[in-house]
């Protein structure tokens, strides 16, 4: 078997990262395109991450340029498997102690939607899009993410296909609701032996009976949000909703009573006082298989933005729970900590969408979209990977000085040991020419990679 032809290396530490995916690509053109695609995604967010933007060609007319066409082929017509790339990405994170998952983290489930025009793009439809907060034409995807106080990264993503794409609509055997997709992602995490303390998700999943029952059947701990209007069967005159359950325990500042003070620590060092309530009403209670926990910064007024209504099957410590309940115990502080980690889902959306071009793909097929998403996930994880392997990198003082004129210290960017500068595309008609500086720009991305933290809670990012 002949040796593989070398590719034009990616700048700096990115080459060390991407070469670990090379065996997944059968052709040199695929390996080359992977490097150029990741380079483009990691360049500053002021650049559009469309195919023409990634290829450094002009919008619209530049789409016919050979460089843009090669990236188009890489997404739409090539033969590589995005699932294999995702597995390799997760394997790289798991191999390093600074990025490997632990049993103190959570498996977060969420969904996001992005506006897309027309009706030819796979999975597109008129539906609620979380990114704009209203119903519009777009594509929705369901995500699983692992997170703890140190770090967070996406695990799997699966597109939701609206019912109108199926012959029998929602009755079609191939149709999958978002909670069903979410449960499949949880099952996949379990099958991969991913360690985590509990599954966390917002009220779209906490209020879905099928999703909750699925977690129970998998014998997993969970902390899920509920809407205040969430109700259950009850006799006339009895408490029948979460909102009514809270009213049983009025807040009295001079005597908090059953409200327990919780101190939350945040990554920037500041602390906040929250209050948590263990409520007993309807099917919920400390001695039952499910607990109802209300958490708020202001128990008297219960502001919408800083009040959580949570259901969990994690047992109260030292309290005998119903036989069918989940036996793993967690006090109120631990319940708050676990659900607080869910905020990293929202933070990751900001990063992959605003900086890495999650929704800026210019392709229509299901496979091409999945490939784009996996490349974005690889770019996201590269920042964690490069931070985790920083001990194998050396500083390059020539790029930026160690201190400012005022004497204030600044973090120095680093470069990989070995070749640092990758050649850019040759200047020419309809080429912007910025790729010549990819190495210097990438150095700035790496030095801004999220820092690890020992804070007890991430708070609101």
Protein backbone atom coordinates (compact mmCIF):
# COMPACT_ATOMS: atom_id res chain seq x y z
CA UNK A 1 0.00 0.00 0.00
CA UNK A 2 1.47 3.36 -1.06
CA UNK A 3 2.00 6.13 1.47
CA UNK A 4 -0.63 8.83 1.71
CA UNK A 5 0.18 12.14 0.07
CA UNK A 6 0.68 14.95 2.58
CA UNK A 7 -1.82 17.75 2.95
CA UNK A 8 -1.24 21.44 3.42
CA UNK A 9 -1.04 21.61 7.23
CA UNK A 10 -3.52 23.56 9.32
CA UNK A 11 -2.05 26.43 11.38
CA UNK A 12 -0.46 25.84 14.77
CA UNK A 13 -2.08 23.40 17.21
CA UNK A 14 -5.01 22.81 14.87
CA UNK A 15 -2.82 20.53 12.75
CA UNK A 16 -2.00 18.35 15.77
CA UNK A 17 -5.72 18.08 16.45
CA UNK A 18 -7.08 17.48 12.96
CA UNK A 19 -4.46 14.91 11.95
CA UNK A 20 -6.06 12.56 14.48
CA UNK A 21 -9.11 12.43 12.20
CA UNK A 22 -7.15 11.68 9.02
CA UNK A 23 -7.79 7.94 8.99
CA UNK A 24 -11.52 8.66 8.69
CA UNK A 25 -10.97 10.16 5.24
CA UNK A 26 -10.10 7.90 2.33
CA UNK A 27 -8.94 10.67 -0.01
CA UNK A 28 -6.38 13.43 0.24
CA UNK A 29 -8.96 15.94 -0.99
CA UNK A 30 -11.16 15.07 1.99
CA UNK A 31 -8.32 15.54 4.47
CA UNK A 32 -7.42 18.83 2.82
CA UNK A 33 -11.02 20.08 2.89
CA UNK A 34 -11.41 19.14 6.55
CA UNK A 35 -8.45 21.36 7.46
CA UNK A 36 -9.66 24.29 5.40
CA UNK A 37 -13.20 23.98 6.78
CA UNK A 38 -12.05 23.94 10.42
CA UNK A 39 -9.68 26.85 9.74
CA UNK A 40 -12.57 28.89 8.40
CA UNK A 41 -14.88 28.04 11.29
CA UNK A 42 -12.26 29.09 13.84
CA UNK A 43 -11.44 32.43 12.23
CA UNK A 44 -12.93 35.54 13.92
CA UNK A 45 -16.68 35.76 14.27
CA UNK A 46 -16.83 38.92 12.14
CA UNK A 47 -16.47 36.61 9.15
CA UNK A 48 -19.52 34.80 7.82
CA UNK A 49 -19.17 31.02 8.13
CA UNK A 50 -21.01 30.30 4.89
CA UNK A 51 -19.25 28.21 2.25
CA UNK A 52 -18.11 31.34 0.42
CA UNK A 53 -16.92 32.84 3.70
CA UNK A 54 -15.01 29.70 4.67
CA UNK A 55 -13.41 29.60 1.22
CA UNK A 56 -12.53 33.34 1.30
CA UNK A 57 -14.48 34.03 -1.89
CA UNK A 58 -16.98 36.75 -2.60
CA UNK A 59 -20.62 36.09 -1.61
CA UNK A 60 -22.91 34.75 -4.35
CA UNK A 61 -20.59 35.06 -7.38
CA UNK A 62 -17.73 33.48 -5.46
CA UNK A 63 -19.76 30.32 -4.90
CA UNK A 64 -18.58 29.09 -8.30
CA UNK A 65 -14.91 29.48 -7.39
CA UNK A 66 -12.95 26.22 -7.23
CA UNK A 67 -12.12 26.68 -3.54
CA UNK A 68 -15.80 27.06 -2.58
CA UNK A 69 -16.81 24.19 -4.84
CA UNK A 70 -14.32 21.87 -3.12
CA UNK A 71 -15.87 22.63 0.27
CA UNK A 72 -19.35 22.18 -1.22
CA UNK A 73 -18.31 18.76 -2.50
CA UNK A 74 -16.79 17.89 0.89
CA UNK A 75 -20.18 18.43 2.56
CA UNK A 76 -22.60 17.23 -0.08
CA UNK A 77 -20.95 14.65 -2.33
CA UNK A 78 -18.05 13.17 -0.36
CA UNK A 79 -18.18 9.75 1.34
CA UNK A 80 -17.00 10.38 4.91
CA UNK A 81 -19.15 9.46 7.90
CA UNK A 82 -20.07 12.32 10.29
CA UNK A 83 -20.96 9.80 13.04
CA UNK A 84 -17.43 8.39 12.92
CA UNK A 85 -15.99 11.90 13.17
CA UNK A 86 -18.16 12.63 16.19
CA UNK A 87 -17.07 9.43 17.91
CA UNK A 88 -13.41 10.25 17.28
CA UNK A 89 -13.95 13.74 18.71
CA UNK A 90 -15.49 12.32 21.89
CA UNK A 91 -12.73 9.72 22.18
CA UNK A 92 -10.10 12.47 22.08
CA UNK A 93 -11.87 14.37 24.85
CA UNK A 94 -12.26 11.21 26.95
CA UNK A 95 -8.57 10.27 26.67
CA UNK A 96 -7.36 13.41 28.44
CA UNK A 97 -7.99 13.82 32.17
CA UNK A 98 -8.61 17.56 31.79
CA UNK A 99 -11.52 17.00 29.40
CA UNK A 100 -12.85 13.56 30.34
CA UNK A 101 -16.35 13.22 31.79
CA UNK A 102 -16.83 12.38 35.46
CA UNK A 103 -19.75 11.09 37.52
CA UNK A 104 -20.21 14.57 39.07
CA UNK A 105 -21.37 16.08 35.79
CA UNK A 106 -24.75 16.10 34.11
CA UNK A 107 -26.21 14.98 30.80
CA UNK A 108 -28.10 18.05 29.57
CA UNK A 109 -30.84 17.72 26.96
CA UNK A 110 -32.17 20.65 24.96
CA UNK A 111 -33.31 21.79 21.55
CA UNK A 112 -32.66 24.82 19.40
CA UNK A 113 -34.06 26.16 16.15
CA UNK A 114 -32.70 28.47 13.49
CA UNK A 115 -34.46 30.32 10.70
CA UNK A 116 -34.12 28.87 7.19
CA UNK A 117 -35.95 30.07 4.12
CA UNK A 118 -37.66 27.97 1.44
CA UNK A 119 -39.03 24.45 1.67
CA UNK A 120 -36.33 22.32 0.02
CA UNK A 121 -33.80 22.12 2.86
CA UNK A 122 -34.04 18.88 4.84
CA UNK A 123 -36.06 19.10 8.09
CA UNK A 124 -37.22 22.65 7.39
CA UNK A 125 -40.72 23.69 8.39
CA UNK A 126 -42.80 26.33 10.10
CA UNK A 127 -42.29 25.71 13.81
CA UNK A 128 -41.22 27.36 17.05
CA UNK A 129 -37.60 28.49 16.88
CA UNK A 130 -35.94 29.11 20.22
CA UNK A 131 -33.23 31.35 18.73
CA UNK A 132 -35.79 33.99 17.77
CA UNK A 133 -38.51 33.13 20.30
CA UNK A 134 -41.38 32.69 17.87
CA UNK A 135 -42.87 30.46 15.16
CA UNK A 136 -41.13 30.83 11.82
CA UNK A 137 -39.68 28.76 8.98
CA UNK A 138 -36.57 26.94 10.13
CA UNK A 139 -34.72 23.82 11.25
CA UNK A 140 -34.84 22.47 14.83
CA UNK A 141 -32.29 20.11 16.34
CA UNK A 142 -32.20 18.20 19.64
CA UNK A 143 -28.91 18.14 21.54
CA UNK A 144 -27.19 16.26 24.34
CA UNK A 145 -24.34 17.93 26.20
CA UNK A 146 -22.06 16.87 29.03
CA UNK A 147 -21.18 19.51 31.63
CA UNK A 148 -19.73 20.04 35.05
CA UNK A 149 -18.15 23.06 36.76
CA UNK A 150 -14.93 22.61 34.76
CA UNK A 151 -16.09 22.32 31.19
CA UNK A 152 -18.91 21.49 28.81
CA UNK A 153 -19.13 20.10 25.30
CA UNK A 154 -21.76 18.70 22.91
CA UNK A 155 -22.21 14.95 22.66
CA UNK A 156 -24.81 14.27 19.99
CA UNK A 157 -27.16 16.27 17.80
CA UNK A 158 -30.17 14.99 15.91
CA UNK A 159 -32.46 17.02 13.61
CA UNK A 160 -36.18 17.07 14.31
CA UNK A 161 -38.24 16.44 11.16
CA UNK A 162 -41.69 18.12 11.20
CA UNK A 163 -44.74 15.95 10.61
CA UNK A 164 -45.51 17.40 7.16
CA UNK A 165 -42.44 15.60 5.78
CA UNK A 166 -44.16 12.24 6.39
CA UNK A 167 -46.96 10.65 4.41
CA UNK A 168 -49.07 9.93 7.53
CA UNK A 169 -47.92 12.97 9.46
CA UNK A 170 -47.53 12.27 13.18
CA UNK A 171 -49.04 8.82 12.73
CA UNK A 172 -46.25 7.79 10.41
CA UNK A 173 -43.95 5.15 11.99
CA UNK A 174 -40.88 7.15 10.95
CA UNK A 175 -42.02 10.33 12.72
CA UNK A 176 -40.19 11.11 15.97
CA UNK A 177 -41.23 13.76 18.46
CA UNK A 178 -38.54 15.88 20.12
CA UNK A 179 -38.91 14.06 23.49
CA UNK A 180 -38.53 10.73 21.68
CA UNK A 181 -35.36 11.95 19.97
CA UNK A 182 -34.11 13.25 23.32
CA UNK A 183 -34.67 9.87 24.96
CA UNK A 184 -32.73 8.18 22.14
CA UNK A 185 -29.82 10.55 22.81
CA UNK A 186 -29.93 9.64 26.50
CA UNK A 187 -29.93 5.94 25.64
CA UNK A 188 -26.93 6.47 23.38
CA UNK A 189 -25.04 8.18 26.21
CA UNK A 190 -25.84 5.26 28.52
CA UNK A 191 -24.70 2.71 25.94
CA UNK A 192 -21.39 4.55 25.58
CA UNK A 193 -20.82 4.27 29.36
CA UNK A 194 -20.64 8.04 29.71
CA UNK A 195 -20.55 8.91 33.44
CA UNK A 196 -22.95 11.52 34.76
CA UNK A 197 -24.85 12.28 37.98
CA UNK A 198 -28.25 13.10 36.48
CA UNK A 199 -30.13 14.08 33.34
CA UNK A 200 -31.18 17.74 33.32
CA UNK A 201 -33.61 19.45 30.94
CA UNK A 202 -36.09 22.31 30.79
CA UNK A 203 -39.88 22.13 31.14
CA UNK A 204 -40.41 20.99 27.54
CA UNK A 205 -39.01 17.64 28.67
CA UNK A 206 -39.80 17.72 32.40
CA UNK A 207 -43.49 18.04 31.60
CA UNK A 208 -43.45 15.23 29.03
CA UNK A 209 -44.67 12.00 30.62
CA UNK A 210 -43.10 9.74 27.98
CA UNK A 211 -39.66 11.27 28.45
CA UNK A 212 -39.80 11.05 32.24
CA UNK A 213 -41.04 7.45 32.14
CA UNK A 214 -38.23 6.61 29.74
CA UNK A 215 -35.65 7.92 32.22
CA UNK A 216 -37.27 5.88 34.98
CA UNK A 217 -37.08 2.73 32.87
CA UNK A 218 -33.39 3.42 32.27
CA UNK A 219 -33.02 3.82 36.06
CA UNK A 220 -31.39 7.23 35.67
CA UNK A 221 -31.43 10.11 38.10
CA UNK A 222 -32.87 13.36 36.79
CA UNK A 223 -33.54 16.99 37.70
CA UNK A 224 -36.07 18.43 35.27
CA UNK A 225 -37.91 21.75 35.13
CA UNK A 226 -41.68 22.08 35.28
CA UNK A 227 -43.95 24.97 34.35
CA UNK A 228 -45.80 26.63 37.26
CA UNK A 229 -49.01 25.56 35.52
CA UNK A 230 -48.00 21.88 35.56
CA UNK A 231 -50.90 19.98 37.11
CA UNK A 232 -51.98 16.47 38.08
CA UNK A 233 -55.19 14.62 38.78
CA UNK A 234 -56.69 15.64 42.13
CA UNK A 235 -59.94 15.74 44.02
CA UNK A 236 -61.90 18.95 44.32
CA UNK A 237 -60.41 21.14 47.01
CA UNK A 238 -56.97 19.51 46.90
CA UNK A 239 -53.75 21.03 45.56
CA UNK A 240 -53.58 20.24 41.86
CA UNK A 241 -50.70 22.24 40.35
CA UNK A 242 -47.15 23.38 41.03
CA UNK A 243 -48.35 26.95 41.43
CA UNK A 244 -50.84 25.93 44.10
CA UNK A 245 -48.24 23.81 45.87
CA UNK A 246 -45.97 26.84 46.34
CA UNK A 247 -48.79 28.77 47.98
CA UNK A 248 -48.89 26.24 50.82
CA UNK A 249 -45.51 27.54 51.97
CA UNK A 250 -45.75 31.36 52.16
CA UNK A 251 -42.47 33.24 52.51
CA UNK A 252 -41.84 34.95 55.84
CA UNK A 253 -38.49 36.84 55.91
CA UNK A 254 -38.32 36.81 59.71
CA UNK A 255 -38.91 33.05 59.79
CA UNK A 256 -37.98 31.27 56.51
CA UNK A 257 -39.17 27.99 57.98
CA UNK A 258 -39.11 25.29 55.30
CA UNK A 259 -37.28 27.55 52.85
CA UNK A 260 -33.59 26.61 52.95
CA UNK A 261 -30.82 29.09 52.23
CA UNK A 262 -28.53 28.06 49.36
CA UNK A 263 -25.26 29.84 48.54
CA UNK A 264 -24.28 29.57 44.90
CA UNK A 265 -20.71 30.26 43.76
CA UNK A 266 -20.05 31.47 40.23
CA UNK A 267 -17.06 31.22 37.89
CA UNK A 268 -16.18 34.90 38.24
CA UNK A 269 -15.88 34.47 42.01
CA UNK A 270 -19.06 36.17 43.17
CA UNK A 271 -21.69 34.42 45.27
CA UNK A 272 -25.47 34.68 45.41
CA UNK A 273 -28.06 33.67 47.97
CA UNK A 274 -30.90 31.55 46.67
CA UNK A 275 -33.69 29.84 48.57
CA UNK A 276 -34.95 26.29 48.04
CA UNK A 277 -38.18 24.65 49.13
CA UNK A 278 -38.98 20.94 49.41
CA UNK A 279 -42.72 20.84 48.70
CA UNK A 280 -45.14 18.01 49.49
CA UNK A 281 -48.23 18.00 47.28
CA UNK A 282 -50.03 15.52 45.06
CA UNK A 283 -47.63 12.90 43.69
CA UNK A 284 -44.56 14.74 45.03
CA UNK A 285 -42.92 14.62 48.43
CA UNK A 286 -39.69 13.82 50.33
CA UNK A 287 -40.81 10.24 50.94
CA UNK A 288 -42.20 9.65 47.45
CA UNK A 289 -40.48 8.55 44.27
CA UNK A 290 -40.51 12.12 42.92
CA UNK A 291 -39.71 15.34 44.73
CA UNK A 292 -40.95 18.84 43.91
CA UNK A 293 -38.28 21.49 44.56
CA UNK A 294 -38.84 25.23 44.13
CA UNK A 295 -35.73 27.43 43.93
CA UNK A 296 -35.69 31.23 43.75
CA UNK A 297 -33.66 34.35 44.46
CA UNK A 298 -36.83 35.98 45.79
CA UNK A 299 -39.25 33.52 47.47
CA UNK A 300 -41.74 36.28 48.11
CA UNK A 301 -42.25 37.41 44.51
CA UNK A 302 -40.90 34.36 42.62
CA UNK A 303 -39.51 36.26 39.58
CA UNK A 304 -39.79 34.32 36.33
CA UNK A 305 -36.13 34.60 35.31
CA UNK A 306 -34.65 33.46 38.64
CA UNK A 307 -37.18 30.90 39.86
CA UNK A 308 -36.98 27.19 39.06
CA UNK A 309 -39.72 24.62 39.55
CA UNK A 310 -37.99 21.25 39.55
CA UNK A 311 -38.93 17.60 39.70
CA UNK A 312 -36.31 15.04 40.67
CA UNK A 313 -36.18 11.35 41.52
CA UNK A 314 -32.97 11.74 43.55
CA UNK A 315 -33.84 10.73 47.12
CA UNK A 316 -33.75 12.94 50.19
CA UNK A 317 -30.70 11.89 52.25
CA UNK A 318 -31.55 9.72 55.27
CA UNK A 319 -35.21 9.46 54.28
CA UNK A 320 -36.70 6.13 53.20
CA UNK A 321 -38.14 6.59 49.74
CA UNK A 322 -40.86 4.67 47.91
CA UNK A 323 -39.54 1.36 46.47
CA UNK A 324 -39.93 2.50 42.87
CA UNK A 325 -37.96 5.69 43.45
CA UNK A 326 -34.40 6.30 42.37
CA UNK A 327 -32.17 5.50 45.37
CA UNK A 328 -29.31 7.92 44.68
CA UNK A 329 -29.57 10.70 47.26
CA UNK A 330 -29.15 14.47 46.85
CA UNK A 331 -29.86 17.28 49.29
CA UNK A 332 -31.33 20.59 48.13
CA UNK A 333 -27.90 22.12 47.56
CA UNK A 334 -26.96 19.25 45.26
CA UNK A 335 -30.27 19.46 43.35
CA UNK A 336 -29.66 23.17 42.76
CA UNK A 337 -26.08 22.51 41.68
CA UNK A 338 -27.12 19.90 39.15
CA UNK A 339 -29.82 21.96 37.50
CA UNK A 340 -27.54 25.00 37.54
CA UNK A 341 -25.21 23.15 35.18
CA UNK A 342 -27.92 23.17 32.51
CA UNK A 343 -27.05 26.78 31.74
CA UNK A 344 -23.99 25.56 29.81
CA UNK A 345 -26.36 24.41 27.07
CA UNK A 346 -27.37 28.02 26.46
CA UNK A 347 -23.75 29.16 26.66
CA UNK A 348 -22.66 26.57 24.08
CA UNK A 349 -25.40 27.76 21.71
CA UNK A 350 -24.02 31.29 21.88
CA UNK A 351 -20.56 30.05 20.99
CA UNK A 352 -21.41 27.63 18.19
CA UNK A 353 -23.91 30.04 16.62
CA UNK A 354 -22.25 33.41 17.06
CA UNK A 355 -18.62 32.34 16.63
CA UNK A 356 -18.64 29.05 14.72
CA UNK A 357 -21.47 29.43 12.21
CA UNK A 358 -23.80 26.64 13.35
CA UNK A 359 -26.74 27.81 11.23
CA UNK A 360 -24.83 29.39 8.35
CA UNK A 361 -24.61 26.26 6.21
CA UNK A 362 -25.43 26.62 2.52
CA UNK A 363 -26.49 23.04 1.85
CA UNK A 364 -29.86 21.32 1.69
CA UNK A 365 -29.42 17.57 2.16
CA UNK A 366 -29.69 15.81 5.51
CA UNK A 367 -26.19 14.35 5.22
CA UNK A 368 -24.57 17.67 4.34
CA UNK A 369 -26.23 19.41 7.29
CA UNK A 370 -25.12 16.67 9.68
CA UNK A 371 -21.55 16.97 8.37
CA UNK A 372 -21.54 20.72 8.89
CA UNK A 373 -22.82 20.32 12.45
CA UNK A 374 -20.16 17.74 13.29
CA UNK A 375 -17.42 19.99 11.92
CA UNK A 376 -18.72 22.81 14.12
CA UNK A 377 -18.64 20.46 17.12
CA UNK A 378 -15.05 19.55 16.25
CA UNK A 379 -14.10 23.23 16.11
CA UNK A 380 -15.79 23.79 19.48
CA UNK A 381 -14.02 20.84 21.09
CA UNK A 382 -10.67 21.90 19.62
CA UNK A 383 -10.61 24.87 21.99
CA UNK A 384 -11.01 22.54 24.98
CA UNK A 385 -8.52 20.08 23.54
CA UNK A 386 -5.89 22.75 22.92
CA UNK A 387 -6.34 24.12 26.44
CA UNK A 388 -6.05 20.61 27.89
CA UNK A 389 -2.85 19.91 25.99
CA UNK A 390 -1.28 23.32 26.59
CA UNK A 391 1.59 21.67 28.45
CA UNK A 392 2.82 20.35 25.09
CA UNK A 393 2.78 23.81 23.54
CA UNK A 394 5.33 26.56 23.88
CA UNK A 395 4.75 30.30 24.20
CA UNK A 396 5.59 32.59 21.32
CA UNK A 397 6.44 36.03 22.79
CA UNK A 398 6.90 37.49 19.33
CA UNK A 399 3.17 37.40 18.60
CA UNK A 400 2.11 39.65 21.49
CA UNK A 401 4.18 41.15 24.32
CA UNK A 402 3.92 39.70 27.81
CA UNK A 403 2.77 43.01 29.24
CA UNK A 404 1.06 46.19 28.15
CA UNK A 405 2.67 49.66 28.22
CA UNK A 406 1.02 50.17 31.61
CA UNK A 407 2.78 47.10 32.98
CA UNK A 408 -0.38 45.02 33.22
CA UNK A 409 0.36 41.39 32.47
CA UNK A 410 -1.29 39.79 29.48
CA UNK A 411 -1.65 36.13 28.62
CA UNK A 412 0.71 35.15 25.86
CA UNK A 413 -0.63 33.15 22.94
CA UNK A 414 1.05 29.85 22.28
CA UNK A 415 2.03 27.92 19.21
CA UNK A 416 2.57 24.26 18.54
CA UNK A 417 6.13 23.01 18.49
CA UNK A 418 7.02 22.55 14.84
CA UNK A 419 5.67 24.19 11.67
CA UNK A 420 3.49 27.13 12.58
CA UNK A 421 2.48 29.00 9.46
CA UNK A 422 0.23 27.37 6.89
CA UNK A 423 0.25 28.78 3.39
CA UNK A 424 -2.92 30.59 2.44
CA UNK A 425 -4.67 30.61 -0.90
CA UNK A 426 -2.88 32.54 -3.58
CA UNK A 427 -4.40 35.99 -4.13
CA UNK A 428 -6.56 36.21 -7.19
CA UNK A 429 -9.92 37.34 -8.57
CA UNK A 430 -12.78 36.94 -6.08
CA UNK A 431 -10.44 35.76 -3.29
CA UNK A 432 -10.30 37.84 -0.11
CA UNK A 433 -6.77 36.69 0.82
CA UNK A 434 -7.28 36.53 4.60
CA UNK A 435 -6.26 32.88 4.91
CA UNK A 436 -2.61 33.97 4.70
CA UNK A 437 -3.03 35.11 8.31
CA UNK A 438 -4.92 32.07 9.61
CA UNK A 439 -2.16 31.09 12.04
CA UNK A 440 -2.07 34.45 13.80
CA UNK A 441 -5.86 34.64 13.95
CA UNK A 442 -6.13 31.08 15.24
CA UNK A 443 -3.66 31.86 18.02
CA UNK A 444 -6.14 34.42 19.32
CA UNK A 445 -8.94 31.87 19.31
CA UNK A 446 -6.88 29.34 21.27
CA UNK A 447 -5.84 31.80 23.97
CA UNK A 448 -9.50 32.68 24.51
CA UNK A 449 -10.50 29.05 25.06
CA UNK A 450 -12.71 28.63 28.17
CA UNK A 451 -10.69 28.34 31.35
CA UNK A 452 -11.29 25.55 33.83
CA UNK A 453 -12.83 26.42 37.17
CA UNK A 454 -13.41 24.88 40.57
CA UNK A 455 -16.47 27.02 41.26
CA UNK A 456 -19.41 25.10 42.66
CA UNK A 457 -21.88 26.43 40.13
CA UNK A 458 -21.63 28.14 36.75
CA UNK A 459 -24.67 30.30 37.32
CA UNK A 460 -25.84 32.10 34.23
CA UNK A 461 -22.61 31.95 32.24
